[in-house]
Amino acid sequence: MADHGQHSVPHAPVGEFDDMELVHPKTFIGKYVWSQDAKVIAIQYGVTAIAIGLVALVLSILMRLQLGFPNTFALIDPASYLQYVTMHGMIMVVYLLTALFLGPSATT
């Protein structure tokens, strides 16, 4: 058994540091894009989730237009319709439920 007495582990001397001024970001990019603050990251999660939610809303509108007025719009063919349904579902379930509801609450 090793002796773990008072003098068995050498300690480094306590360092003395001059007072340092904290750096605070002064620009929008410095504060909201490159931030490491948990509250700002929660805001970033929320804003990004809402922006992606708007994409899902547009997909929902395109799907409803196809159902309401079949074969009227050229950009909504049957293959695109199925892609819109899939993208809308994945965005709503995976991204919005995860990022919007769990993301900000996990960082605060």
PDB file of N, CA and C in Angstrom:
ATOM      1  N   MET A   1       0.826  -1.181   0.000  1.00  0.00           N
ATOM      2  CA  MET A   1       0.000   0.000   0.000  1.00  0.00           C
ATOM      3  C   MET A   1       0.864   1.235   0.000  1.00  0.00           C
ATOM      4  N   ALA A   2       0.476   2.174  -0.779  1.00  0.00           N
ATOM      5  CA  ALA A   2       1.224   3.423  -0.850  1.00  0.00           C
ATOM      6  C   ALA A   2       0.789   4.331   0.293  1.00  0.00           C
ATOM      7  N   ASP A   3       1.738   5.086   0.765  1.00  0.00           N
ATOM      8  CA  ASP A   3       1.455   6.013   1.850  1.00  0.00           C
ATOM      9  C   ASP A   3       0.919   7.312   1.259  1.00  0.00           C
ATOM     10  N   HIS A   4      -0.301   7.675   1.594  1.00  0.00           N
ATOM     11  CA  HIS A   4      -0.910   8.920   1.096  1.00  0.00           C
ATOM     12  C   HIS A   4      -0.894   9.963   2.203  1.00  0.00           C
ATOM     13  N   GLY A   5       0.232  10.149   2.756  1.00  0.00           N
ATOM     14  CA  GLY A   5       0.358  11.109   3.845  1.00  0.00           C
ATOM     15  C   GLY A   5       0.316  12.540   3.351  1.00  0.00           C
ATOM     16  N   GLN A   6       0.595  13.444   4.244  1.00  0.00           N
ATOM     17  CA  GLN A   6       0.488  14.862   3.953  1.00  0.00           C
ATOM     18  C   GLN A   6       1.529  15.320   2.939  1.00  0.00           C
ATOM     19  N   HIS A   7       2.704  14.715   2.904  1.00  0.00           N
ATOM     20  CA  HIS A   7       3.779  15.184   2.044  1.00  0.00           C
ATOM     21  C   HIS A   7       4.031  14.267   0.845  1.00  0.00           C
ATOM     22  N   SER A   8       3.120  13.333   0.548  1.00  0.00           N
ATOM     23  CA  SER A   8       3.394  12.383  -0.521  1.00  0.00           C
ATOM     24  C   SER A   8       3.113  12.953  -1.916  1.00  0.00           C
ATOM     25  N   VAL A   9       2.222  13.935  -2.042  1.00  0.00           N
ATOM     26  CA  VAL A   9       1.895  14.516  -3.343  1.00  0.00           C
ATOM     27  C   VAL A   9       2.358  15.964  -3.362  1.00  0.00           C
ATOM     28  N   PRO A  10       3.281  16.304  -4.273  1.00  0.00           N
ATOM     29  CA  PRO A  10       3.721  17.709  -4.332  1.00  0.00           C
ATOM     30  C   PRO A  10       2.627  18.583  -4.932  1.00  0.00           C
ATOM     31  N   HIS A  11       2.490  19.773  -4.442  1.00  0.00           N
ATOM     32  CA  HIS A  11       1.492  20.710  -4.940  1.00  0.00           C
ATOM     33  C   HIS A  11       2.187  21.859  -5.648  1.00  0.00           C
ATOM     34  N   ALA A  12       1.558  22.323  -6.707  1.00  0.00           N
ATOM     35  CA  ALA A  12       2.086  23.473  -7.421  1.00  0.00           C
ATOM     36  C   ALA A  12       1.776  24.727  -6.611  1.00  0.00           C
ATOM     37  N   PRO A  13       2.634  25.702  -6.671  1.00  0.00           N
ATOM     38  CA  PRO A  13       2.352  26.945  -5.935  1.00  0.00           C
ATOM     39  C   PRO A  13       1.152  27.668  -6.542  1.00  0.00           C
ATOM     40  N   VAL A  14       0.459  28.386  -5.708  1.00  0.00           N
ATOM     41  CA  VAL A  14      -0.696  29.141  -6.164  1.00  0.00           C
ATOM     42  C   VAL A  14      -0.215  30.263  -7.067  1.00  0.00           C
ATOM     43  N   GLY A  15      -0.817  30.332  -8.267  1.00  0.00           N
ATOM     44  CA  GLY A  15      -0.417  31.379  -9.207  1.00  0.00           C
ATOM     45  C   GLY A  15      -1.086  32.692  -8.876  1.00  0.00           C
ATOM     46  N   GLU A  16      -0.393  33.743  -9.145  1.00  0.00           N
ATOM     47  CA  GLU A  16      -0.955  35.067  -8.952  1.00  0.00           C
ATOM     48  C   GLU A  16      -1.163  35.684 -10.323  1.00  0.00           C
ATOM     49  N   PHE A  17      -2.374  36.146 -10.566  1.00  0.00           N
ATOM     50  CA  PHE A  17      -2.708  36.713 -11.862  1.00  0.00           C
ATOM     51  C   PHE A  17      -3.198  38.134 -11.662  1.00  0.00           C
ATOM     52  N   ASP A  18      -2.859  38.967 -12.614  1.00  0.00           N
ATOM     53  CA  ASP A  18      -3.382  40.325 -12.590  1.00  0.00           C
ATOM     54  C   ASP A  18      -4.870  40.278 -12.935  1.00  0.00           C
ATOM     55  N   ASP A  19      -5.586  41.295 -12.483  1.00  0.00           N
ATOM     56  CA  ASP A  19      -7.000  41.369 -12.826  1.00  0.00           C
ATOM     57  C   ASP A  19      -7.134  41.553 -14.328  1.00  0.00           C
ATOM     58  N   MET A  20      -7.999  40.726 -14.920  1.00  0.00           N
ATOM     59  CA  MET A  20      -8.217  40.791 -16.356  1.00  0.00           C
ATOM     60  C   MET A  20      -9.625  41.299 -16.616  1.00  0.00           C
ATOM     61  N   GLU A  21      -9.747  42.141 -17.608  1.00  0.00           N
ATOM     62  CA  GLU A  21     -11.062  42.640 -17.967  1.00  0.00           C
ATOM     63  C   GLU A  21     -11.748  41.606 -18.851  1.00  0.00           C
ATOM     64  N   LEU A  22     -13.016  41.329 -18.563  1.00  0.00           N
ATOM     65  CA  LEU A  22     -13.752  40.365 -19.366  1.00  0.00           C
ATOM     66  C   LEU A  22     -14.067  40.963 -20.727  1.00  0.00           C
ATOM     67  N   VAL A  23     -14.063  40.114 -21.742  1.00  0.00           N
ATOM     68  CA  VAL A  23     -14.365  40.551 -23.094  1.00  0.00           C
ATOM     69  C   VAL A  23     -15.849  40.340 -23.351  1.00  0.00           C
ATOM     70  N   HIS A  24     -16.529  41.402 -23.704  1.00  0.00           N
ATOM     71  CA  HIS A  24     -17.945  41.329 -24.007  1.00  0.00           C
ATOM     72  C   HIS A  24     -18.130  41.608 -25.492  1.00  0.00           C
ATOM     73  N   PRO A  25     -18.901  40.779 -26.192  1.00  0.00           N
ATOM     74  CA  PRO A  25     -19.107  41.016 -27.619  1.00  0.00           C
ATOM     75  C   PRO A  25     -19.861  42.317 -27.854  1.00  0.00           C
ATOM     76  N   LYS A  26     -19.463  43.018 -28.905  1.00  0.00           N
ATOM     77  CA  LYS A  26     -20.069  44.314 -29.186  1.00  0.00           C
ATOM     78  C   LYS A  26     -20.916  44.312 -30.447  1.00  0.00           C
ATOM     79  N   THR A  27     -20.826  43.278 -31.252  1.00  0.00           N
ATOM     80  CA  THR A  27     -21.588  43.229 -32.491  1.00  0.00           C
ATOM     81  C   THR A  27     -22.672  42.171 -32.392  1.00  0.00           C
ATOM     82  N   PHE A  28     -23.616  42.227 -33.317  1.00  0.00           N
ATOM     83  CA  PHE A  28     -24.693  41.245 -33.370  1.00  0.00           C
ATOM     84  C   PHE A  28     -24.132  39.844 -33.602  1.00  0.00           C
ATOM     85  N   ILE A  29     -23.199  39.735 -34.527  1.00  0.00           N
ATOM     86  CA  ILE A  29     -22.605  38.431 -34.833  1.00  0.00           C
ATOM     87  C   ILE A  29     -21.830  37.912 -33.631  1.00  0.00           C
ATOM     88  N   GLY A  30     -21.100  38.774 -32.978  1.00  0.00           N
ATOM     89  CA  GLY A  30     -20.338  38.354 -31.811  1.00  0.00           C
ATOM     90  C   GLY A  30     -21.212  37.879 -30.676  1.00  0.00           C
ATOM     91  N   LYS A  31     -22.380  38.480 -30.531  1.00  0.00           N
ATOM     92  CA  LYS A  31     -23.252  38.114 -29.414  1.00  0.00           C
ATOM     93  C   LYS A  31     -24.165  36.939 -29.735  1.00  0.00           C
ATOM     94  N   TYR A  32     -24.789  36.948 -30.917  1.00  0.00           N
ATOM     95  CA  TYR A  32     -25.833  35.963 -31.190  1.00  0.00           C
ATOM     96  C   TYR A  32     -25.412  34.815 -32.093  1.00  0.00           C
ATOM     97  N   VAL A  33     -24.317  34.931 -32.816  1.00  0.00           N
ATOM     98  CA  VAL A  33     -23.898  33.833 -33.689  1.00  0.00           C
ATOM     99  C   VAL A  33     -22.798  33.011 -33.042  1.00  0.00           C
ATOM    100  N   TRP A  34     -21.810  33.663 -32.447  1.00  0.00           N
ATOM    101  CA  TRP A  34     -20.662  32.959 -31.882  1.00  0.00           C
ATOM    102  C   TRP A  34     -20.753  32.819 -30.369  1.00  0.00           C
ATOM    103  N   SER A  35     -21.915  32.999 -29.815  1.00  0.00           N
ATOM    104  CA  SER A  35     -22.069  32.979 -28.369  1.00  0.00           C
ATOM    105  C   SER A  35     -21.930  31.564 -27.797  1.00  0.00           C
ATOM    106  N   GLN A  36     -21.439  31.508 -26.565  1.00  0.00           N
ATOM    107  CA  GLN A  36     -21.383  30.254 -25.827  1.00  0.00           C
ATOM    108  C   GLN A  36     -22.289  30.321 -24.596  1.00  0.00           C
ATOM    109  N   ASP A  37     -23.083  31.367 -24.506  1.00  0.00           N
ATOM    110  CA  ASP A  37     -24.017  31.528 -23.403  1.00  0.00           C
ATOM    111  C   ASP A  37     -25.225  30.624 -23.627  1.00  0.00           C
ATOM    112  N   ALA A  38     -25.611  29.875 -22.621  1.00  0.00           N
ATOM    113  CA  ALA A  38     -26.693  28.903 -22.761  1.00  0.00           C
ATOM    114  C   ALA A  38     -28.022  29.577 -23.099  1.00  0.00           C
ATOM    115  N   LYS A  39     -28.258  30.757 -22.576  1.00  0.00           N
ATOM    116  CA  LYS A  39     -29.520  31.438 -22.862  1.00  0.00           C
ATOM    117  C   LYS A  39     -29.586  31.893 -24.313  1.00  0.00           C
ATOM    118  N   VAL A  40     -28.473  32.357 -24.845  1.00  0.00           N
ATOM    119  CA  VAL A  40     -28.441  32.771 -26.249  1.00  0.00           C
ATOM    120  C   VAL A  40     -28.570  31.550 -27.152  1.00  0.00           C
ATOM    121  N   ILE A  41     -27.963  30.436 -26.774  1.00  0.00           N
ATOM    122  CA  ILE A  41     -28.087  29.212 -27.557  1.00  0.00           C
ATOM    123  C   ILE A  41     -29.537  28.732 -27.560  1.00  0.00           C
ATOM    124  N   ALA A  42     -30.242  28.891 -26.462  1.00  0.00           N
ATOM    125  CA  ALA A  42     -31.658  28.533 -26.416  1.00  0.00           C
ATOM    126  C   ALA A  42     -32.466  29.396 -27.373  1.00  0.00           C
ATOM    127  N   ILE A  43     -32.140  30.675 -27.451  1.00  0.00           N
ATOM    128  CA  ILE A  43     -32.807  31.565 -28.405  1.00  0.00           C
ATOM    129  C   ILE A  43     -32.499  31.120 -29.826  1.00  0.00           C
ATOM    130  N   GLN A  44     -31.250  30.724 -30.090  1.00  0.00           N
ATOM    131  CA  GLN A  44     -30.881  30.247 -31.421  1.00  0.00           C
ATOM    132  C   GLN A  44     -31.678  28.998 -31.793  1.00  0.00           C
ATOM    133  N   TYR A  45     -31.827  28.058 -30.860  1.00  0.00           N
ATOM    134  CA  TYR A  45     -32.637  26.869 -31.104  1.00  0.00           C
ATOM    135  C   TYR A  45     -34.062  27.272 -31.471  1.00  0.00           C
ATOM    136  N   GLY A  46     -34.640  28.166 -30.700  1.00  0.00           N
ATOM    137  CA  GLY A  46     -36.022  28.568 -30.939  1.00  0.00           C
ATOM    138  C   GLY A  46     -36.216  29.251 -32.274  1.00  0.00           C
ATOM    139  N   VAL A  47     -35.334  30.182 -32.614  1.00  0.00           N
ATOM    140  CA  VAL A  47     -35.448  30.914 -33.882  1.00  0.00           C
ATOM    141  C   VAL A  47     -35.260  29.969 -35.062  1.00  0.00           C
ATOM    142  N   THR A  48     -34.290  29.078 -34.973  1.00  0.00           N
ATOM    143  CA  THR A  48     -34.060  28.130 -36.061  1.00  0.00           C
ATOM    144  C   THR A  48     -35.246  27.179 -36.213  1.00  0.00           C
ATOM    145  N   ALA A  49     -35.794  26.712 -35.115  1.00  0.00           N
ATOM    146  CA  ALA A  49     -36.940  25.806 -35.186  1.00  0.00           C
ATOM    147  C   ALA A  49     -38.151  26.501 -35.792  1.00  0.00           C
ATOM    148  N   ILE A  50     -38.369  27.759 -35.453  1.00  0.00           N
ATOM    149  CA  ILE A  50     -39.497  28.493 -36.027  1.00  0.00           C
ATOM    150  C   ILE A  50     -39.284  28.721 -37.521  1.00  0.00           C
ATOM    151  N   ALA A  51     -38.050  29.020 -37.941  1.00  0.00           N
ATOM    152  CA  ALA A  51     -37.759  29.208 -39.361  1.00  0.00           C
ATOM    153  C   ALA A  51     -37.997  27.906 -40.135  1.00  0.00           C
ATOM    154  N   ILE A  52     -37.549  26.792 -39.598  1.00  0.00           N
ATOM    155  CA  ILE A  52     -37.781  25.504 -40.255  1.00  0.00           C
ATOM    156  C   ILE A  52     -39.271  25.161 -40.217  1.00  0.00           C
ATOM    157  N   GLY A  53     -39.971  25.581 -39.169  1.00  0.00           N
ATOM    158  CA  GLY A  53     -41.412  25.382 -39.092  1.00  0.00           C
ATOM    159  C   GLY A  53     -42.149  26.121 -40.199  1.00  0.00           C
ATOM    160  N   LEU A  54     -41.629  27.273 -40.593  1.00  0.00           N
ATOM    161  CA  LEU A  54     -42.234  28.006 -41.711  1.00  0.00           C
ATOM    162  C   LEU A  54     -42.061  27.241 -43.019  1.00  0.00           C
ATOM    163  N   VAL A  55     -40.929  26.557 -43.182  1.00  0.00           N
ATOM    164  CA  VAL A  55     -40.739  25.705 -44.363  1.00  0.00           C
ATOM    165  C   VAL A  55     -41.785  24.584 -44.351  1.00  0.00           C
ATOM    166  N   ALA A  56     -42.017  23.986 -43.191  1.00  0.00           N
ATOM    167  CA  ALA A  56     -43.024  22.933 -43.081  1.00  0.00           C
ATOM    168  C   ALA A  56     -44.417  23.488 -43.365  1.00  0.00           C
ATOM    169  N   LEU A  57     -44.672  24.731 -42.986  1.00  0.00           N
ATOM    170  CA  LEU A  57     -45.961  25.363 -43.270  1.00  0.00           C
ATOM    171  C   LEU A  57     -46.162  25.535 -44.776  1.00  0.00           C
ATOM    172  N   VAL A  58     -45.128  25.954 -45.479  1.00  0.00           N
ATOM    173  CA  VAL A  58     -45.221  26.103 -46.938  1.00  0.00           C
ATOM    174  C   VAL A  58     -45.485  24.745 -47.591  1.00  0.00           C
ATOM    175  N   LEU A  59     -44.793  23.706 -47.093  1.00  0.00           N
ATOM    176  CA  LEU A  59     -45.050  22.367 -47.636  1.00  0.00           C
ATOM    177  C   LEU A  59     -46.491  21.940 -47.384  1.00  0.00           C
ATOM    178  N   SER A  60     -47.025  22.271 -46.226  1.00  0.00           N
ATOM    179  CA  SER A  60     -48.409  21.948 -45.907  1.00  0.00           C
ATOM    180  C   SER A  60     -49.375  22.663 -46.854  1.00  0.00           C
ATOM    181  N   ILE A  61     -49.093  23.911 -47.145  1.00  0.00           N
ATOM    182  CA  ILE A  61     -49.943  24.675 -48.068  1.00  0.00           C
ATOM    183  C   ILE A  61     -49.901  24.057 -49.461  1.00  0.00           C
ATOM    184  N   LEU A  62     -48.707  23.655 -49.916  1.00  0.00           N
ATOM    185  CA  LEU A  62     -48.594  23.025 -51.235  1.00  0.00           C
ATOM    186  C   LEU A  62     -49.372  21.707 -51.281  1.00  0.00           C
ATOM    187  N   MET A  63     -49.315  20.938 -50.214  1.00  0.00           N
ATOM    188  CA  MET A  63     -50.069  19.678 -50.180  1.00  0.00           C
ATOM    189  C   MET A  63     -51.572  19.943 -50.238  1.00  0.00           C
ATOM    190  N   ARG A  64     -52.025  20.943 -49.509  1.00  0.00           N
ATOM    191  CA  ARG A  64     -53.463  21.255 -49.494  1.00  0.00           C
ATOM    192  C   ARG A  64     -53.925  21.802 -50.841  1.00  0.00           C
ATOM    193  N   LEU A  65     -53.062  22.558 -51.531  1.00  0.00           N
ATOM    194  CA  LEU A  65     -53.416  23.032 -52.866  1.00  0.00           C
ATOM    195  C   LEU A  65     -53.581  21.866 -53.830  1.00  0.00           C
ATOM    196  N   GLN A  66     -52.692  20.883 -53.735  1.00  0.00           N
ATOM    197  CA  GLN A  66     -52.799  19.709 -54.600  1.00  0.00           C
ATOM    198  C   GLN A  66     -54.079  18.925 -54.319  1.00  0.00           C
ATOM    199  N   LEU A  67     -54.431  18.801 -53.043  1.00  0.00           N
ATOM    200  CA  LEU A  67     -55.651  18.070 -52.706  1.00  0.00           C
ATOM    201  C   LEU A  67     -56.909  18.851 -53.095  1.00  0.00           C
ATOM    202  N   GLY A  68     -56.871  20.171 -52.960  1.00  0.00           N
ATOM    203  CA  GLY A  68     -58.037  20.993 -53.266  1.00  0.00           C
ATOM    204  C   GLY A  68     -58.241  21.214 -54.754  1.00  0.00           C
ATOM    205  N   PHE A  69     -57.131  21.333 -55.481  1.00  0.00           N
ATOM    206  CA  PHE A  69     -57.192  21.602 -56.917  1.00  0.00           C
ATOM    207  C   PHE A  69     -56.242  20.648 -57.641  1.00  0.00           C
ATOM    208  N   PRO A  70     -56.658  19.397 -57.844  1.00  0.00           N
ATOM    209  CA  PRO A  70     -55.756  18.401 -58.427  1.00  0.00           C
ATOM    210  C   PRO A  70     -55.284  18.782 -59.829  1.00  0.00           C
ATOM    211  N   ASN A  71     -54.017  18.542 -60.088  1.00  0.00           N
ATOM    212  CA  ASN A  71     -53.378  18.748 -61.388  1.00  0.00           C
ATOM    213  C   ASN A  71     -53.505  20.179 -61.914  1.00  0.00           C
ATOM    214  N   THR A  72     -53.626  21.153 -61.026  1.00  0.00           N
ATOM    215  CA  THR A  72     -53.712  22.548 -61.447  1.00  0.00           C
ATOM    216  C   THR A  72     -52.340  23.209 -61.441  1.00  0.00           C
ATOM    217  N   PHE A  73     -51.499  22.870 -60.483  1.00  0.00           N
ATOM    218  CA  PHE A  73     -50.195  23.512 -60.331  1.00  0.00           C
ATOM    219  C   PHE A  73     -49.106  22.613 -60.902  1.00  0.00           C
ATOM    220  N   ALA A  74     -48.234  23.195 -61.719  1.00  0.00           N
ATOM    221  CA  ALA A  74     -47.194  22.411 -62.405  1.00  0.00           C
ATOM    222  C   ALA A  74     -46.117  21.923 -61.435  1.00  0.00           C
ATOM    223  N   LEU A  75     -45.853  22.671 -60.359  1.00  0.00           N
ATOM    224  CA  LEU A  75     -44.766  22.283 -59.470  1.00  0.00           C
ATOM    225  C   LEU A  75     -45.159  21.192 -58.475  1.00  0.00           C
ATOM    226  N   ILE A  76     -46.418  20.777 -58.497  1.00  0.00           N
ATOM    227  CA  ILE A  76     -46.864  19.717 -57.571  1.00  0.00           C
ATOM    228  C   ILE A  76     -47.304  18.515 -58.399  1.00  0.00           C
ATOM    229  N   ASP A  77     -46.386  17.681 -58.812  1.00  0.00           N
ATOM    230  CA  ASP A  77     -46.740  16.434 -59.474  1.00  0.00           C
ATOM    231  C   ASP A  77     -46.832  15.331 -58.418  1.00  0.00           C
ATOM    232  N   PRO A  78     -47.310  14.137 -58.769  1.00  0.00           N
ATOM    233  CA  PRO A  78     -47.486  13.084 -57.746  1.00  0.00           C
ATOM    234  C   PRO A  78     -46.207  12.732 -56.988  1.00  0.00           C
ATOM    235  N   ALA A  79     -45.062  12.685 -57.667  1.00  0.00           N
ATOM    236  CA  ALA A  79     -43.815  12.359 -56.969  1.00  0.00           C
ATOM    237  C   ALA A  79     -43.437  13.478 -56.001  1.00  0.00           C
ATOM    238  N   SER A  80     -43.603  14.731 -56.425  1.00  0.00           N
ATOM    239  CA  SER A  80     -43.295  15.860 -55.544  1.00  0.00           C
ATOM    240  C   SER A  80     -44.232  15.893 -54.348  1.00  0.00           C
ATOM    241  N   TYR A  81     -45.507  15.538 -54.577  1.00  0.00           N
ATOM    242  CA  TYR A  81     -46.473  15.524 -53.478  1.00  0.00           C
ATOM    243  C   TYR A  81     -46.025  14.565 -52.378  1.00  0.00           C
ATOM    244  N   LEU A  82     -45.594  13.381 -52.764  1.00  0.00           N
ATOM    245  CA  LEU A  82     -45.138  12.415 -51.772  1.00  0.00           C
ATOM    246  C   LEU A  82     -43.871  12.898 -51.061  1.00  0.00           C
ATOM    247  N   GLN A  83     -43.003  13.592 -51.770  1.00  0.00           N
ATOM    248  CA  GLN A  83     -41.813  14.163 -51.131  1.00  0.00           C
ATOM    249  C   GLN A  83     -42.200  15.254 -50.145  1.00  0.00           C
ATOM    250  N   TYR A  84     -43.184  16.083 -50.507  1.00  0.00           N
ATOM    251  CA  TYR A  84     -43.643  17.141 -49.607  1.00  0.00           C
ATOM    252  C   TYR A  84     -44.238  16.557 -48.332  1.00  0.00           C
ATOM    253  N   VAL A  85     -45.024  15.472 -48.485  1.00  0.00           N
ATOM    254  CA  VAL A  85     -45.624  14.827 -47.308  1.00  0.00           C
ATOM    255  C   VAL A  85     -44.523  14.307 -46.383  1.00  0.00           C
ATOM    256  N   THR A  86     -43.521  13.659 -46.981  1.00  0.00           N
ATOM    257  CA  THR A  86     -42.439  13.089 -46.175  1.00  0.00           C
ATOM    258  C   THR A  86     -41.625  14.181 -45.493  1.00  0.00           C
ATOM    259  N   MET A  87     -41.254  15.216 -46.248  1.00  0.00           N
ATOM    260  CA  MET A  87     -40.459  16.307 -45.655  1.00  0.00           C
ATOM    261  C   MET A  87     -41.252  17.027 -44.575  1.00  0.00           C
ATOM    262  N   HIS A  88     -42.520  17.274 -44.825  1.00  0.00           N
ATOM    263  CA  HIS A  88     -43.355  17.954 -43.834  1.00  0.00           C
ATOM    264  C   HIS A  88     -43.426  17.127 -42.539  1.00  0.00           C
ATOM    265  N   GLY A  89     -43.658  15.839 -42.679  1.00  0.00           N
ATOM    266  CA  GLY A  89     -43.742  14.977 -41.492  1.00  0.00           C
ATOM    267  C   GLY A  89     -42.437  14.920 -40.726  1.00  0.00           C
ATOM    268  N   MET A  90     -41.326  14.786 -41.432  1.00  0.00           N
ATOM    269  CA  MET A  90     -40.025  14.714 -40.759  1.00  0.00           C
ATOM    270  C   MET A  90     -39.690  16.035 -40.060  1.00  0.00           C
ATOM    271  N   ILE A  91     -39.971  17.135 -40.717  1.00  0.00           N
ATOM    272  CA  ILE A  91     -39.688  18.433 -40.099  1.00  0.00           C
ATOM    273  C   ILE A  91     -40.538  18.621 -38.848  1.00  0.00           C
ATOM    274  N   MET A  92     -41.820  18.328 -38.954  1.00  0.00           N
ATOM    275  CA  MET A  92     -42.711  18.562 -37.816  1.00  0.00           C
ATOM    276  C   MET A  92     -42.378  17.659 -36.635  1.00  0.00           C
ATOM    277  N   VAL A  93     -42.127  16.392 -36.901  1.00  0.00           N
ATOM    278  CA  VAL A  93     -41.903  15.456 -35.807  1.00  0.00           C
ATOM    279  C   VAL A  93     -40.484  15.562 -35.274  1.00  0.00           C
ATOM    280  N   VAL A  94     -39.518  15.416 -36.153  1.00  0.00           N
ATOM    281  CA  VAL A  94     -38.129  15.338 -35.695  1.00  0.00           C
ATOM    282  C   VAL A  94     -37.596  16.708 -35.308  1.00  0.00           C
ATOM    283  N   TYR A  95     -37.726  17.675 -36.186  1.00  0.00           N
ATOM    284  CA  TYR A  95     -37.056  18.931 -35.894  1.00  0.00           C
ATOM    285  C   TYR A  95     -37.842  19.814 -34.943  1.00  0.00           C
ATOM    286  N   LEU A  96     -39.112  20.041 -35.227  1.00  0.00           N
ATOM    287  CA  LEU A  96     -39.858  20.959 -34.363  1.00  0.00           C
ATOM    288  C   LEU A  96     -40.057  20.387 -32.966  1.00  0.00           C
ATOM    289  N   LEU A  97     -40.448  19.133 -32.869  1.00  0.00           N
ATOM    290  CA  LEU A  97     -40.668  18.571 -31.541  1.00  0.00           C
ATOM    291  C   LEU A  97     -39.375  18.462 -30.750  1.00  0.00           C
ATOM    292  N   THR A  98     -38.288  18.143 -31.448  1.00  0.00           N
ATOM    293  CA  THR A  98     -37.012  18.007 -30.750  1.00  0.00           C
ATOM    294  C   THR A  98     -36.391  19.361 -30.458  1.00  0.00           C
ATOM    295  N   ALA A  99     -36.202  20.164 -31.481  1.00  0.00           N
ATOM    296  CA  ALA A  99     -35.469  21.417 -31.300  1.00  0.00           C
ATOM    297  C   ALA A  99     -36.287  22.477 -30.575  1.00  0.00           C
ATOM    298  N   LEU A 100     -37.547  22.618 -30.926  1.00  0.00           N
ATOM    299  CA  LEU A 100     -38.331  23.702 -30.330  1.00  0.00           C
ATOM    300  C   LEU A 100     -38.730  23.400 -28.892  1.00  0.00           C
ATOM    301  N   PHE A 101     -39.140  22.168 -28.621  1.00  0.00           N
ATOM    302  CA  PHE A 101     -39.636  21.862 -27.280  1.00  0.00           C
ATOM    303  C   PHE A 101     -38.558  21.349 -26.335  1.00  0.00           C
ATOM    304  N   LEU A 102     -37.602  20.597 -26.845  1.00  0.00           N
ATOM    305  CA  LEU A 102     -36.579  20.034 -25.970  1.00  0.00           C
ATOM    306  C   LEU A 102     -35.275  20.825 -25.985  1.00  0.00           C
ATOM    307  N   GLY A 103     -34.938  21.446 -27.102  1.00  0.00           N
ATOM    308  CA  GLY A 103     -33.665  22.148 -27.218  1.00  0.00           C
ATOM    309  C   GLY A 103     -33.513  23.302 -26.240  1.00  0.00           C
ATOM    310  N   PRO A 104     -34.401  24.292 -26.270  1.00  0.00           N
ATOM    311  CA  PRO A 104     -34.235  25.419 -25.345  1.00  0.00           C
ATOM    312  C   PRO A 104     -34.361  25.020 -23.877  1.00  0.00           C
ATOM    313  N   SER A 105     -35.204  24.060 -23.572  1.00  0.00           N
ATOM    314  CA  SER A 105     -35.359  23.677 -22.168  1.00  0.00           C
ATOM    315  C   SER A 105     -34.134  22.914 -21.664  1.00  0.00           C
ATOM    316  N   ALA A 106     -33.405  22.255 -22.555  1.00  0.00           N
ATOM    317  CA  ALA A 106     -32.222  21.510 -22.142  1.00  0.00           C
ATOM    318  C   ALA A 106     -31.038  22.431 -21.890  1.00  0.00           C
ATOM    319  N   THR A 107     -31.018  23.606 -22.524  1.00  0.00           N
ATOM    320  CA  THR A 107     -29.871  24.498 -22.379  1.00  0.00           C
ATOM    321  C   THR A 107     -30.047  25.493 -21.241  1.00  0.00           C
ATOM    322  N   THR A 108     -31.244  25.659 -20.732  1.00  0.00           N
ATOM    323  CA  THR A 108     -31.439  26.634 -19.660  1.00  0.00           C
ATOM    324  C   THR A 108     -31.392  25.988 -18.313  1.00  0.00           C
TER     325      THR A 108
END
